[in-house]
Amino acid sequence: MQQSMFAYPYIALLVLGLLLSACGQRTTQTAADTQTASGQPEATAQTTANTPIPEAGALLDSDEAPPPGASAEFRTDFSRHTVHYSDIFSGGPPRDGIPAIDEPAFVSVSEADSWLEPVEPVARVQVGDDVRVYPIQILMWHEIVNDTVGGVPLSITFCPLCNTAIAFERQFDAMVLDFGTTGRLRHSNLIMYDRQTETWWQQGTGDAIVGELAGSTLTFFPIEMIAWADVRRDSPDAQVLSRETGHNRPYGENPYQGYDNINNSPFLYEGPPTPGTLPAVARVLTVDLQGEAVAIPSICWRSSRSFTIRLAPPTLLSSGHRAPPRLWMHHGC
């Protein structure tokens, strides 16, 4: 029997999200909680009845006008777009109204421990011996950190409405891109732009959806969303993003208080109807592997120490009671 572990639970094929289909993911399946012969829950892919979300990629032959105000704020080719402009809405702030961090400063784990709680979520990225940690309480207010980790240009992104922490490589062909916020949303998900071409990018998928580079896709880079206590235990020498960002923000306070209440409807969501199987803001882990996608409700990993996901092929196994779990690829005997 041969197994190999994914070192990070969040890579191009693994996405931890807050919203099931009220966020612009490509997932079109949910996981049903069943039992295997060994007594372990088995997450079996089942297609939902919700309206499929068109994948970005192909340019649309459309004479749609750009979103209101976009042409005045951005200089890019709005005739090139892979999604309908009717799906794009203003989130309130204008371009860069939520400011990205372009010159991140870092502090030690011991220093950050004075203002981070043990169960507080953070995003961790590692390149070689360079381990960096980005507290969600800071990402909540900035959504993008343009950084270089271990010599690799990366953008650390976070969409508060979807609870998606995603890292992308900034090297794109011969350019090194840096990103800002457009102030727009699609399916309740952050739309970024790069400052080199002012192309618009969907954060949840890494797809260029509007502008010069429309139809392209960014390269995902492994990132974990874990508890601060895990960092203290496993990465005591990590660098932690400092609260000294150059911006005056009440870090530690949540400007979206109550948005993730599972009993509330996501009031900022505009998009295809969400399936009735789960509440719209249920937490799910989505796996996208070799053309198959499945969404795993949090109950699967919170109610059992392990579970099985059967794709065709391979099979993914969880490695214990974690939130979210680590997954292993099972290649067979």
C-alpha atoms as a PDB file:
ATOM      1  CA  MET A   1       0.000   0.000   0.000  1.00  0.00           C
ATOM      2  CA  GLN A   2       1.380   3.399  -1.002  1.00  0.00           C
ATOM      3  CA  GLN A   3       0.259   6.712   0.415  1.00  0.00           C
ATOM      4  CA  SER A   4       1.501  10.247   0.043  1.00  0.00           C
ATOM      5  CA  MET A   5       0.483  13.179   2.210  1.00  0.00           C
ATOM      6  CA  PHE A   6      -0.502  16.641   1.029  1.00  0.00           C
ATOM      7  CA  ALA A   7       1.742  18.767   3.232  1.00  0.00           C
ATOM      8  CA  TYR A   8      -0.840  21.548   3.244  1.00  0.00           C
ATOM      9  CA  PRO A   9      -4.621  21.105   3.305  1.00  0.00           C
ATOM     10  CA  TYR A  10      -5.122  24.181   1.120  1.00  0.00           C
ATOM     11  CA  ILE A  11      -3.650  24.059  -2.391  1.00  0.00           C
ATOM     12  CA  ALA A  12      -5.191  24.385  -5.845  1.00  0.00           C
ATOM     13  CA  LEU A  13      -7.210  21.237  -5.204  1.00  0.00           C
ATOM     14  CA  LEU A  14      -8.156  21.955  -1.594  1.00  0.00           C
ATOM     15  CA  VAL A  15     -10.151  25.021  -0.633  1.00  0.00           C
ATOM     16  CA  LEU A  16     -11.590  25.752   2.810  1.00  0.00           C
ATOM     17  CA  GLY A  17     -14.636  28.001   2.444  1.00  0.00           C
ATOM     18  CA  LEU A  18     -17.340  29.554   4.583  1.00  0.00           C
ATOM     19  CA  LEU A  19     -20.023  29.467   1.913  1.00  0.00           C
ATOM     20  CA  LEU A  20     -21.285  26.410   0.065  1.00  0.00           C
ATOM     21  CA  SER A  21     -22.428  27.921  -3.222  1.00  0.00           C
ATOM     22  CA  ALA A  22     -22.882  31.490  -2.047  1.00  0.00           C
ATOM     23  CA  CYS A  23     -19.273  32.062  -3.045  1.00  0.00           C
ATOM     24  CA  GLY A  24     -17.860  31.812  -6.549  1.00  0.00           C
ATOM     25  CA  GLN A  25     -16.362  28.327  -6.284  1.00  0.00           C
ATOM     26  CA  ARG A  26     -16.678  25.792  -9.093  1.00  0.00           C
ATOM     27  CA  THR A  27     -18.009  23.074  -6.784  1.00  0.00           C
ATOM     28  CA  THR A  28     -21.123  21.369  -8.146  1.00  0.00           C
ATOM     29  CA  GLN A  29     -21.294  18.450  -5.729  1.00  0.00           C
ATOM     30  CA  THR A  30     -21.826  17.909  -2.023  1.00  0.00           C
ATOM     31  CA  ALA A  31     -20.607  15.114   0.199  1.00  0.00           C
ATOM     32  CA  ALA A  32     -23.157  12.744   1.679  1.00  0.00           C
ATOM     33  CA  ASP A  33     -22.206  11.314   5.051  1.00  0.00           C
ATOM     34  CA  THR A  34     -22.352   7.516   4.813  1.00  0.00           C
ATOM     35  CA  GLN A  35     -20.567   4.635   6.558  1.00  0.00           C
ATOM     36  CA  THR A  36     -17.853   2.394   5.158  1.00  0.00           C
ATOM     37  CA  ALA A  37     -17.481  -1.252   6.095  1.00  0.00           C
ATOM     38  CA  SER A  38     -14.873  -0.222   8.659  1.00  0.00           C
ATOM     39  CA  GLY A  39     -17.319   2.124  10.338  1.00  0.00           C
ATOM     40  CA  GLN A  40     -15.632   5.306   9.033  1.00  0.00           C
ATOM     41  CA  PRO A  41     -17.845   7.985   7.499  1.00  0.00           C
ATOM     42  CA  GLU A  42     -17.498   8.077   3.733  1.00  0.00           C
ATOM     43  CA  ALA A  43     -17.987  11.281   1.790  1.00  0.00           C
ATOM     44  CA  THR A  44     -19.543  10.231  -1.511  1.00  0.00           C
ATOM     45  CA  ALA A  45     -19.913  12.779  -4.307  1.00  0.00           C
ATOM     46  CA  GLN A  46     -23.498  13.650  -5.200  1.00  0.00           C
ATOM     47  CA  THR A  47     -24.569  16.227  -7.764  1.00  0.00           C
ATOM     48  CA  THR A  48     -26.780  19.000  -6.397  1.00  0.00           C
ATOM     49  CA  ALA A  49     -29.758  20.517  -8.126  1.00  0.00           C
ATOM     50  CA  ASN A  50     -28.420  24.066  -8.077  1.00  0.00           C
ATOM     51  CA  THR A  51     -27.743  26.042 -11.229  1.00  0.00           C
ATOM     52  CA  PRO A  52     -24.195  25.346 -12.484  1.00  0.00           C
ATOM     53  CA  ILE A  53     -21.777  28.254 -12.210  1.00  0.00           C
ATOM     54  CA  PRO A  54     -20.133  28.902 -15.595  1.00  0.00           C
ATOM     55  CA  GLU A  55     -16.377  28.507 -15.454  1.00  0.00           C
ATOM     56  CA  ALA A  56     -14.253  31.467 -16.403  1.00  0.00           C
ATOM     57  CA  GLY A  57     -11.888  31.019 -19.314  1.00  0.00           C
ATOM     58  CA  ALA A  58     -13.548  31.616 -22.675  1.00  0.00           C
ATOM     59  CA  LEU A  59     -14.078  35.234 -23.698  1.00  0.00           C
ATOM     60  CA  LEU A  60     -17.731  36.204 -24.057  1.00  0.00           C
ATOM     61  CA  ASP A  61     -19.030  37.653 -27.291  1.00  0.00           C
ATOM     62  CA  SER A  62     -21.043  40.346 -25.598  1.00  0.00           C
ATOM     63  CA  ASP A  63     -21.624  44.074 -25.897  1.00  0.00           C
ATOM     64  CA  GLU A  64     -22.399  44.443 -22.181  1.00  0.00           C
ATOM     65  CA  ALA A  65     -21.408  47.742 -20.622  1.00  0.00           C
ATOM     66  CA  PRO A  66     -18.782  47.490 -17.847  1.00  0.00           C
ATOM     67  CA  PRO A  67     -19.963  47.679 -14.230  1.00  0.00           C
ATOM     68  CA  PRO A  68     -20.968  51.202 -13.142  1.00  0.00           C
ATOM     69  CA  GLY A  69     -17.952  53.425 -12.542  1.00  0.00           C
ATOM     70  CA  ALA A  70     -15.430  50.798 -13.670  1.00  0.00           C
ATOM     71  CA  SER A  71     -14.246  52.612 -16.790  1.00  0.00           C
ATOM     72  CA  ALA A  72     -13.502  55.741 -14.761  1.00  0.00           C
ATOM     73  CA  GLU A  73     -11.507  53.833 -12.129  1.00  0.00           C
ATOM     74  CA  PHE A  74      -9.591  51.343 -14.285  1.00  0.00           C
ATOM     75  CA  ARG A  75      -7.645  51.438 -17.531  1.00  0.00           C
ATOM     76  CA  THR A  76      -8.003  47.984 -18.976  1.00  0.00           C
ATOM     77  CA  ASP A  77      -9.736  46.408 -21.948  1.00  0.00           C
ATOM     78  CA  PHE A  78     -13.338  45.992 -20.785  1.00  0.00           C
ATOM     79  CA  SER A  79     -14.274  44.415 -24.133  1.00  0.00           C
ATOM     80  CA  ARG A  80     -12.441  41.305 -22.899  1.00  0.00           C
ATOM     81  CA  HIS A  81     -14.388  39.463 -20.216  1.00  0.00           C
ATOM     82  CA  THR A  82     -15.158  35.834 -19.394  1.00  0.00           C
ATOM     83  CA  VAL A  83     -18.124  36.472 -17.084  1.00  0.00           C
ATOM     84  CA  HIS A  84     -21.271  38.526 -17.444  1.00  0.00           C
ATOM     85  CA  TYR A  85     -20.974  42.018 -16.031  1.00  0.00           C
ATOM     86  CA  SER A  86     -24.446  41.569 -14.556  1.00  0.00           C
ATOM     87  CA  ASP A  87     -22.828  39.127 -12.074  1.00  0.00           C
ATOM     88  CA  ILE A  88     -20.466  41.816 -10.724  1.00  0.00           C
ATOM     89  CA  PHE A  89     -21.597  44.102  -7.912  1.00  0.00           C
ATOM     90  CA  SER A  90     -20.067  46.865  -5.844  1.00  0.00           C
ATOM     91  CA  GLY A  91     -19.121  45.793  -2.333  1.00  0.00           C
ATOM     92  CA  GLY A  92     -19.271  49.400  -1.133  1.00  0.00           C
ATOM     93  CA  PRO A  93     -15.667  50.665  -1.021  1.00  0.00           C
ATOM     94  CA  PRO A  94     -14.096  51.996  -4.236  1.00  0.00           C
ATOM     95  CA  ARG A  95     -10.887  50.759  -5.853  1.00  0.00           C
ATOM     96  CA  ASP A  96      -8.296  50.223  -3.101  1.00  0.00           C
ATOM     97  CA  GLY A  97     -10.831  51.392  -0.507  1.00  0.00           C
ATOM     98  CA  ILE A  98      -9.745  48.212   1.259  1.00  0.00           C
ATOM     99  CA  PRO A  99      -5.976  48.757   1.033  1.00  0.00           C
ATOM    100  CA  ALA A 100      -3.618  45.912   0.228  1.00  0.00           C
ATOM    101  CA  ILE A 101      -0.401  45.635   2.246  1.00  0.00           C
ATOM    102  CA  ASP A 102       2.532  46.162  -0.106  1.00  0.00           C
ATOM    103  CA  GLU A 103       5.429  46.472   2.351  1.00  0.00           C
ATOM    104  CA  PRO A 104       4.609  43.930   5.060  1.00  0.00           C
ATOM    105  CA  ALA A 105       6.513  44.091   8.347  1.00  0.00           C
ATOM    106  CA  PHE A 106       6.892  41.078  10.609  1.00  0.00           C
ATOM    107  CA  VAL A 107       7.368  40.319  14.291  1.00  0.00           C
ATOM    108  CA  SER A 108       8.418  37.228  16.215  1.00  0.00           C
ATOM    109  CA  VAL A 109       6.039  34.552  17.468  1.00  0.00           C
ATOM    110  CA  SER A 110       6.702  35.615  21.066  1.00  0.00           C
ATOM    111  CA  GLU A 111       5.827  39.235  20.288  1.00  0.00           C
ATOM    112  CA  ALA A 112       2.664  38.341  18.371  1.00  0.00           C
ATOM    113  CA  ASP A 113       1.591  36.060  21.213  1.00  0.00           C
ATOM    114  CA  SER A 114       0.691  39.148  23.241  1.00  0.00           C
ATOM    115  CA  TRP A 115      -2.211  39.962  20.890  1.00  0.00           C
ATOM    116  CA  LEU A 116      -3.205  36.624  19.336  1.00  0.00           C
ATOM    117  CA  GLU A 117      -5.450  34.100  21.104  1.00  0.00           C
ATOM    118  CA  PRO A 118      -4.639  30.352  20.992  1.00  0.00           C
ATOM    119  CA  VAL A 119      -7.706  29.427  18.895  1.00  0.00           C
ATOM    120  CA  GLU A 120      -7.493  32.471  16.635  1.00  0.00           C
ATOM    121  CA  PRO A 121      -7.225  31.637  12.904  1.00  0.00           C
ATOM    122  CA  VAL A 122      -4.059  32.495  10.998  1.00  0.00           C
ATOM    123  CA  ALA A 123      -2.755  31.646   7.525  1.00  0.00           C
ATOM    124  CA  ARG A 124       0.667  29.992   7.303  1.00  0.00           C
ATOM    125  CA  VAL A 125       2.945  29.807   4.252  1.00  0.00           C
ATOM    126  CA  GLN A 126       6.352  28.147   4.034  1.00  0.00           C
ATOM    127  CA  VAL A 127       9.049  28.291   1.355  1.00  0.00           C
ATOM    128  CA  GLY A 128      12.136  26.376   2.442  1.00  0.00           C
ATOM    129  CA  ASP A 129      13.086  27.607   5.903  1.00  0.00           C
ATOM    130  CA  ASP A 130      11.075  30.814   5.526  1.00  0.00           C
ATOM    131  CA  VAL A 131       7.804  30.398   7.454  1.00  0.00           C
ATOM    132  CA  ARG A 132       5.390  33.330   7.511  1.00  0.00           C
ATOM    133  CA  VAL A 133       2.122  33.727   9.333  1.00  0.00           C
ATOM    134  CA  TYR A 134      -0.672  36.122   8.405  1.00  0.00           C
ATOM    135  CA  PRO A 135      -3.286  36.645  11.145  1.00  0.00           C
ATOM    136  CA  ILE A 136      -6.842  36.680   9.828  1.00  0.00           C
ATOM    137  CA  GLN A 137      -7.580  39.643  12.127  1.00  0.00           C
ATOM    138  CA  ILE A 138      -5.252  41.683   9.880  1.00  0.00           C
ATOM    139  CA  LEU A 139      -6.198  40.093   6.545  1.00  0.00           C
ATOM    140  CA  MET A 140      -9.834  40.862   7.423  1.00  0.00           C
ATOM    141  CA  TRP A 141      -9.095  44.573   6.935  1.00  0.00           C
ATOM    142  CA  HIS A 142      -6.734  44.380   3.944  1.00  0.00           C
ATOM    143  CA  GLU A 143      -7.631  41.183   2.020  1.00  0.00           C
ATOM    144  CA  ILE A 144      -4.316  41.154   0.109  1.00  0.00           C
ATOM    145  CA  VAL A 145      -0.655  41.074   1.188  1.00  0.00           C
ATOM    146  CA  ASN A 146       1.908  41.348  -1.612  1.00  0.00           C
ATOM    147  CA  ASP A 147       4.966  39.591  -0.217  1.00  0.00           C
ATOM    148  CA  THR A 148       8.069  37.620  -1.164  1.00  0.00           C
ATOM    149  CA  VAL A 149       8.559  34.417   0.826  1.00  0.00           C
ATOM    150  CA  GLY A 150      11.800  32.485   0.512  1.00  0.00           C
ATOM    151  CA  GLY A 151      12.543  34.391  -2.687  1.00  0.00           C
ATOM    152  CA  VAL A 152       9.139  33.533  -4.221  1.00  0.00           C
ATOM    153  CA  PRO A 153       6.840  36.500  -4.994  1.00  0.00           C
ATOM    154  CA  LEU A 154       3.439  35.645  -3.515  1.00  0.00           C
ATOM    155  CA  SER A 155       0.110  37.331  -2.877  1.00  0.00           C
ATOM    156  CA  ILE A 156      -1.636  36.203   0.293  1.00  0.00           C
ATOM    157  CA  THR A 157      -5.345  36.853  -0.192  1.00  0.00           C
ATOM    158  CA  PHE A 158      -8.398  36.527   2.027  1.00  0.00           C
ATOM    159  CA  CYS A 159     -12.078  37.044   1.259  1.00  0.00           C
ATOM    160  CA  PRO A 160     -13.929  37.728   4.542  1.00  0.00           C
ATOM    161  CA  LEU A 161     -17.321  36.958   2.999  1.00  0.00           C
ATOM    162  CA  CYS A 162     -16.174  33.474   1.913  1.00  0.00           C
ATOM    163  CA  ASN A 163     -13.567  32.732   4.607  1.00  0.00           C
ATOM    164  CA  THR A 164     -11.131  31.751   1.848  1.00  0.00           C
ATOM    165  CA  ALA A 165      -7.406  32.259   2.432  1.00  0.00           C
ATOM    166  CA  ILE A 166      -5.589  31.657  -0.861  1.00  0.00           C
ATOM    167  CA  ALA A 167      -1.982  32.252  -1.906  1.00  0.00           C
ATOM    168  CA  PHE A 168      -0.999  32.901  -5.515  1.00  0.00           C
ATOM    169  CA  GLU A 169       2.365  33.151  -7.227  1.00  0.00           C
ATOM    170  CA  ARG A 170       2.876  36.725  -8.452  1.00  0.00           C
ATOM    171  CA  GLN A 171       5.250  35.717 -11.215  1.00  0.00           C
ATOM    172  CA  PHE A 172       3.158  35.691 -14.381  1.00  0.00           C
ATOM    173  CA  ASP A 173       5.046  35.127 -17.636  1.00  0.00           C
ATOM    174  CA  ALA A 174       7.718  37.849 -17.687  1.00  0.00           C
ATOM    175  CA  MET A 175       5.916  40.057 -15.137  1.00  0.00           C
ATOM    176  CA  VAL A 176       5.787  40.111 -11.356  1.00  0.00           C
ATOM    177  CA  LEU A 177       2.262  41.243 -10.525  1.00  0.00           C
ATOM    178  CA  ASP A 178       1.079  42.978  -7.410  1.00  0.00           C
ATOM    179  CA  PHE A 179      -2.573  43.120  -6.514  1.00  0.00           C
ATOM    180  CA  GLY A 180      -5.141  45.479  -5.076  1.00  0.00           C
ATOM    181  CA  THR A 181      -8.884  45.385  -4.405  1.00  0.00           C
ATOM    182  CA  THR A 182     -11.391  46.504  -7.044  1.00  0.00           C
ATOM    183  CA  GLY A 183     -14.202  47.126  -4.558  1.00  0.00           C
ATOM    184  CA  ARG A 184     -16.310  44.649  -6.539  1.00  0.00           C
ATOM    185  CA  LEU A 185     -17.708  41.208  -5.784  1.00  0.00           C
ATOM    186  CA  ARG A 186     -18.846  38.288  -7.920  1.00  0.00           C
ATOM    187  CA  HIS A 187     -20.921  35.616  -6.182  1.00  0.00           C
ATOM    188  CA  SER A 188     -19.985  37.352  -2.923  1.00  0.00           C
ATOM    189  CA  ASN A 189     -16.288  36.721  -3.638  1.00  0.00           C
ATOM    190  CA  LEU A 190     -13.466  39.268  -3.775  1.00  0.00           C
ATOM    191  CA  ILE A 191     -12.425  40.549  -7.195  1.00  0.00           C
ATOM    192  CA  MET A 192      -8.775  41.653  -7.224  1.00  0.00           C
ATOM    193  CA  TYR A 193      -6.874  43.562  -9.897  1.00  0.00           C
ATOM    194  CA  ASP A 194      -3.213  43.598 -10.820  1.00  0.00           C
ATOM    195  CA  ARG A 195      -1.534  46.991 -10.985  1.00  0.00           C
ATOM    196  CA  GLN A 196       0.504  46.116 -14.071  1.00  0.00           C
ATOM    197  CA  THR A 197      -2.385  45.542 -16.523  1.00  0.00           C
ATOM    198  CA  GLU A 198      -5.372  46.358 -14.277  1.00  0.00           C
ATOM    199  CA  THR A 199      -6.905  43.003 -15.195  1.00  0.00           C
ATOM    200  CA  TRP A 200      -9.594  41.816 -12.761  1.00  0.00           C
ATOM    201  CA  TRP A 201      -9.084  38.438 -11.059  1.00  0.00           C
ATOM    202  CA  GLN A 202     -11.573  36.233  -9.161  1.00  0.00           C
ATOM    203  CA  GLN A 203     -10.008  35.432  -5.792  1.00  0.00           C
ATOM    204  CA  GLY A 204     -11.803  32.110  -5.298  1.00  0.00           C
ATOM    205  CA  THR A 205     -10.531  30.584  -8.539  1.00  0.00           C
ATOM    206  CA  GLY A 206      -7.505  32.659  -9.574  1.00  0.00           C
ATOM    207  CA  ASP A 207      -9.138  33.330 -12.950  1.00  0.00           C
ATOM    208  CA  ALA A 208      -8.661  36.570 -14.881  1.00  0.00           C
ATOM    209  CA  ILE A 209     -12.234  37.566 -15.671  1.00  0.00           C
ATOM    210  CA  VAL A 210     -11.958  41.105 -17.073  1.00  0.00           C
ATOM    211  CA  GLY A 211      -9.280  42.959 -19.013  1.00  0.00           C
ATOM    212  CA  GLU A 212      -6.053  42.408 -20.899  1.00  0.00           C
ATOM    213  CA  LEU A 213      -5.245  39.020 -19.325  1.00  0.00           C
ATOM    214  CA  ALA A 214      -8.850  37.715 -19.275  1.00  0.00           C
ATOM    215  CA  GLY A 215      -8.882  33.954 -19.756  1.00  0.00           C
ATOM    216  CA  SER A 216      -5.638  33.421 -17.835  1.00  0.00           C
ATOM    217  CA  THR A 217      -5.274  31.748 -14.438  1.00  0.00           C
ATOM    218  CA  LEU A 218      -2.902  32.422 -11.571  1.00  0.00           C
ATOM    219  CA  THR A 219      -0.814  29.628 -10.041  1.00  0.00           C
ATOM    220  CA  PHE A 220      -1.958  28.565  -6.588  1.00  0.00           C
ATOM    221  CA  PHE A 221       0.601  28.185  -3.803  1.00  0.00           C
ATOM    222  CA  PRO A 222       0.082  25.988  -0.698  1.00  0.00           C
ATOM    223  CA  ILE A 223      -1.313  27.811   2.339  1.00  0.00           C
ATOM    224  CA  GLU A 224      -2.835  26.608   5.603  1.00  0.00           C
ATOM    225  CA  MET A 225      -5.497  28.204   7.742  1.00  0.00           C
ATOM    226  CA  ILE A 226      -4.760  26.978  11.260  1.00  0.00           C
ATOM    227  CA  ALA A 227      -5.029  28.036  14.898  1.00  0.00           C
ATOM    228  CA  TRP A 228      -2.401  30.303  16.435  1.00  0.00           C
ATOM    229  CA  ALA A 229      -1.690  27.574  19.002  1.00  0.00           C
ATOM    230  CA  ASP A 230      -0.537  25.321  16.144  1.00  0.00           C
ATOM    231  CA  VAL A 231       1.946  27.970  15.032  1.00  0.00           C
ATOM    232  CA  ARG A 232       3.353  28.357  18.537  1.00  0.00           C
ATOM    233  CA  ARG A 233       3.820  24.590  18.758  1.00  0.00           C
ATOM    234  CA  ASP A 234       5.068  23.806  15.252  1.00  0.00           C
ATOM    235  CA  SER A 235       6.671  27.024  13.969  1.00  0.00           C
ATOM    236  CA  PRO A 236       8.228  28.923  16.902  1.00  0.00           C
ATOM    237  CA  ASP A 237      10.696  30.687  14.581  1.00  0.00           C
ATOM    238  CA  ALA A 238       8.067  31.905  12.109  1.00  0.00           C
ATOM    239  CA  GLN A 239       7.694  35.536  11.106  1.00  0.00           C
ATOM    240  CA  VAL A 240       4.253  36.953  11.911  1.00  0.00           C
ATOM    241  CA  LEU A 241       2.654  39.819   9.993  1.00  0.00           C
ATOM    242  CA  SER A 242       2.804  42.897  12.210  1.00  0.00           C
ATOM    243  CA  ARG A 243      -0.095  45.115  13.140  1.00  0.00           C
ATOM    244  CA  GLU A 244       2.141  48.019  12.114  1.00  0.00           C
ATOM    245  CA  THR A 245       0.765  48.100   8.582  1.00  0.00           C
ATOM    246  CA  GLY A 246       0.850  51.827   7.937  1.00  0.00           C
ATOM    247  CA  HIS A 247      -2.940  51.904   8.212  1.00  0.00           C
ATOM    248  CA  ASN A 248      -5.142  52.796  11.170  1.00  0.00           C
ATOM    249  CA  ARG A 249      -7.468  49.829  11.631  1.00  0.00           C
ATOM    250  CA  PRO A 250      -9.023  48.282  14.776  1.00  0.00           C
ATOM    251  CA  TYR A 251      -7.287  44.924  14.366  1.00  0.00           C
ATOM    252  CA  GLY A 252      -8.967  42.279  16.471  1.00  0.00           C
ATOM    253  CA  GLU A 253     -12.457  43.640  15.767  1.00  0.00           C
ATOM    254  CA  ASN A 254     -14.647  41.977  13.148  1.00  0.00           C
ATOM    255  CA  PRO A 255     -16.318  44.408  10.725  1.00  0.00           C
ATOM    256  CA  TYR A 256     -18.479  41.534   9.444  1.00  0.00           C
ATOM    257  CA  GLN A 257     -19.870  40.546  12.856  1.00  0.00           C
ATOM    258  CA  GLY A 258     -22.681  38.018  12.457  1.00  0.00           C
ATOM    259  CA  TYR A 259     -22.214  37.522   8.702  1.00  0.00           C
ATOM    260  CA  ASP A 260     -21.106  33.919   9.235  1.00  0.00           C
ATOM    261  CA  ASN A 261     -24.074  33.072  11.480  1.00  0.00           C
ATOM    262  CA  ILE A 262     -25.351  29.864   9.930  1.00  0.00           C
ATOM    263  CA  ASN A 263     -28.940  30.939  10.654  1.00  0.00           C
ATOM    264  CA  ASN A 264     -28.588  34.141   8.634  1.00  0.00           C
ATOM    265  CA  SER A 265     -28.884  34.529   4.884  1.00  0.00           C
ATOM    266  CA  PRO A 266     -25.752  36.062   3.281  1.00  0.00           C
ATOM    267  CA  PHE A 267     -27.165  39.501   2.528  1.00  0.00           C
ATOM    268  CA  LEU A 268     -24.337  40.462   0.133  1.00  0.00           C
ATOM    269  CA  TYR A 269     -24.702  37.345  -2.020  1.00  0.00           C
ATOM    270  CA  GLU A 270     -25.867  37.717  -5.612  1.00  0.00           C
ATOM    271  CA  GLY A 271     -25.598  34.625  -7.796  1.00  0.00           C
ATOM    272  CA  PRO A 272     -27.065  31.184  -8.520  1.00  0.00           C
ATOM    273  CA  PRO A 273     -29.438  29.830  -5.868  1.00  0.00           C
ATOM    274  CA  THR A 274     -27.760  27.767  -3.184  1.00  0.00           C
ATOM    275  CA  PRO A 275     -28.937  24.146  -2.757  1.00  0.00           C
ATOM    276  CA  GLY A 276     -31.218  23.329   0.140  1.00  0.00           C
ATOM    277  CA  THR A 277     -28.974  20.519   1.393  1.00  0.00           C
ATOM    278  CA  LEU A 278     -26.961  22.867   3.610  1.00  0.00           C
ATOM    279  CA  PRO A 279     -27.428  26.430   4.889  1.00  0.00           C
ATOM    280  CA  ALA A 280     -25.919  29.011   2.540  1.00  0.00           C
ATOM    281  CA  VAL A 281     -23.100  29.883   4.956  1.00  0.00           C
ATOM    282  CA  ALA A 282     -22.315  26.340   6.094  1.00  0.00           C
ATOM    283  CA  ARG A 283     -18.583  25.696   6.338  1.00  0.00           C
ATOM    284  CA  VAL A 284     -17.326  23.233   3.765  1.00  0.00           C
ATOM    285  CA  LEU A 285     -14.019  21.872   2.530  1.00  0.00           C
ATOM    286  CA  THR A 286     -13.946  21.638  -1.259  1.00  0.00           C
ATOM    287  CA  VAL A 287     -11.685  19.265  -3.145  1.00  0.00           C
ATOM    288  CA  ASP A 288     -11.067  19.814  -6.860  1.00  0.00           C
ATOM    289  CA  LEU A 289      -8.938  17.013  -8.295  1.00  0.00           C
ATOM    290  CA  GLN A 290      -8.507  15.728 -11.839  1.00  0.00           C
ATOM    291  CA  GLY A 291     -11.751  17.262 -13.068  1.00  0.00           C
ATOM    292  CA  GLU A 292     -13.883  16.086 -10.138  1.00  0.00           C
ATOM    293  CA  ALA A 293     -15.065  18.350  -7.339  1.00  0.00           C
ATOM    294  CA  VAL A 294     -16.734  17.589  -4.031  1.00  0.00           C
ATOM    295  CA  ALA A 295     -17.800  19.744  -1.070  1.00  0.00           C
ATOM    296  CA  ILE A 296     -17.373  18.210   2.391  1.00  0.00           C
ATOM    297  CA  PRO A 297     -19.607  19.676   5.129  1.00  0.00           C
ATOM    298  CA  SER A 298     -17.825  20.457   8.389  1.00  0.00           C
ATOM    299  CA  ILE A 299     -19.941  17.867  10.190  1.00  0.00           C
ATOM    300  CA  CYS A 300     -17.934  15.179   8.391  1.00  0.00           C
ATOM    301  CA  TRP A 301     -14.673  16.161  10.056  1.00  0.00           C
ATOM    302  CA  ARG A 302     -16.062  17.461  13.342  1.00  0.00           C
ATOM    303  CA  SER A 303     -18.118  14.369  14.161  1.00  0.00           C
ATOM    304  CA  SER A 304     -15.524  11.700  13.350  1.00  0.00           C
ATOM    305  CA  ARG A 305     -11.786  11.186  13.679  1.00  0.00           C
ATOM    306  CA  SER A 306     -11.492  10.105  10.050  1.00  0.00           C
ATOM    307  CA  PHE A 307     -13.470   9.841   6.843  1.00  0.00           C
ATOM    308  CA  THR A 308     -13.031   8.734   3.248  1.00  0.00           C
ATOM    309  CA  ILE A 309     -13.643  10.658   0.019  1.00  0.00           C
ATOM    310  CA  ARG A 310     -14.041   8.439  -3.026  1.00  0.00           C
ATOM    311  CA  LEU A 311     -13.208  10.077  -6.339  1.00  0.00           C
ATOM    312  CA  ALA A 312     -12.612   8.079  -9.482  1.00  0.00           C
ATOM    313  CA  PRO A 313      -9.667   7.706  -8.933  1.00  0.00           C
ATOM    314  CA  PRO A 314      -8.055   8.271  -6.381  1.00  0.00           C
ATOM    315  CA  THR A 315      -9.351   7.981  -2.817  1.00  0.00           C
ATOM    316  CA  LEU A 316      -8.584  10.662  -0.234  1.00  0.00           C
ATOM    317  CA  LEU A 317      -8.352   9.820   3.462  1.00  0.00           C
ATOM    318  CA  SER A 318      -8.435  12.230   6.386  1.00  0.00           C
ATOM    319  CA  SER A 319      -5.644  11.945   8.946  1.00  0.00           C
ATOM    320  CA  GLY A 320      -7.567  12.469  12.132  1.00  0.00           C
ATOM    321  CA  HIS A 321      -9.791  14.882  13.995  1.00  0.00           C
ATOM    322  CA  ARG A 322      -8.779  18.293  12.661  1.00  0.00           C
ATOM    323  CA  ALA A 323     -10.661  21.398  11.619  1.00  0.00           C
ATOM    324  CA  PRO A 324     -10.040  21.453   8.740  1.00  0.00           C
ATOM    325  CA  PRO A 325      -8.546  17.979   8.340  1.00  0.00           C
ATOM    326  CA  ARG A 326      -5.341  17.011   6.595  1.00  0.00           C
ATOM    327  CA  LEU A 327      -5.975  14.757   3.628  1.00  0.00           C
ATOM    328  CA  TRP A 328      -3.918  11.850   2.289  1.00  0.00           C
ATOM    329  CA  MET A 329      -4.045  10.426  -1.228  1.00  0.00           C
ATOM    330  CA  HIS A 330      -4.593   6.660  -1.251  1.00  0.00           C
ATOM    331  CA  HIS A 331      -3.172   5.076  -4.426  1.00  0.00           C
ATOM    332  CA  GLY A 332      -4.296   1.523  -3.683  1.00  0.00           C
ATOM    333  CA  CYS A 333      -2.468  -1.646  -2.716  1.00  0.00           C
END
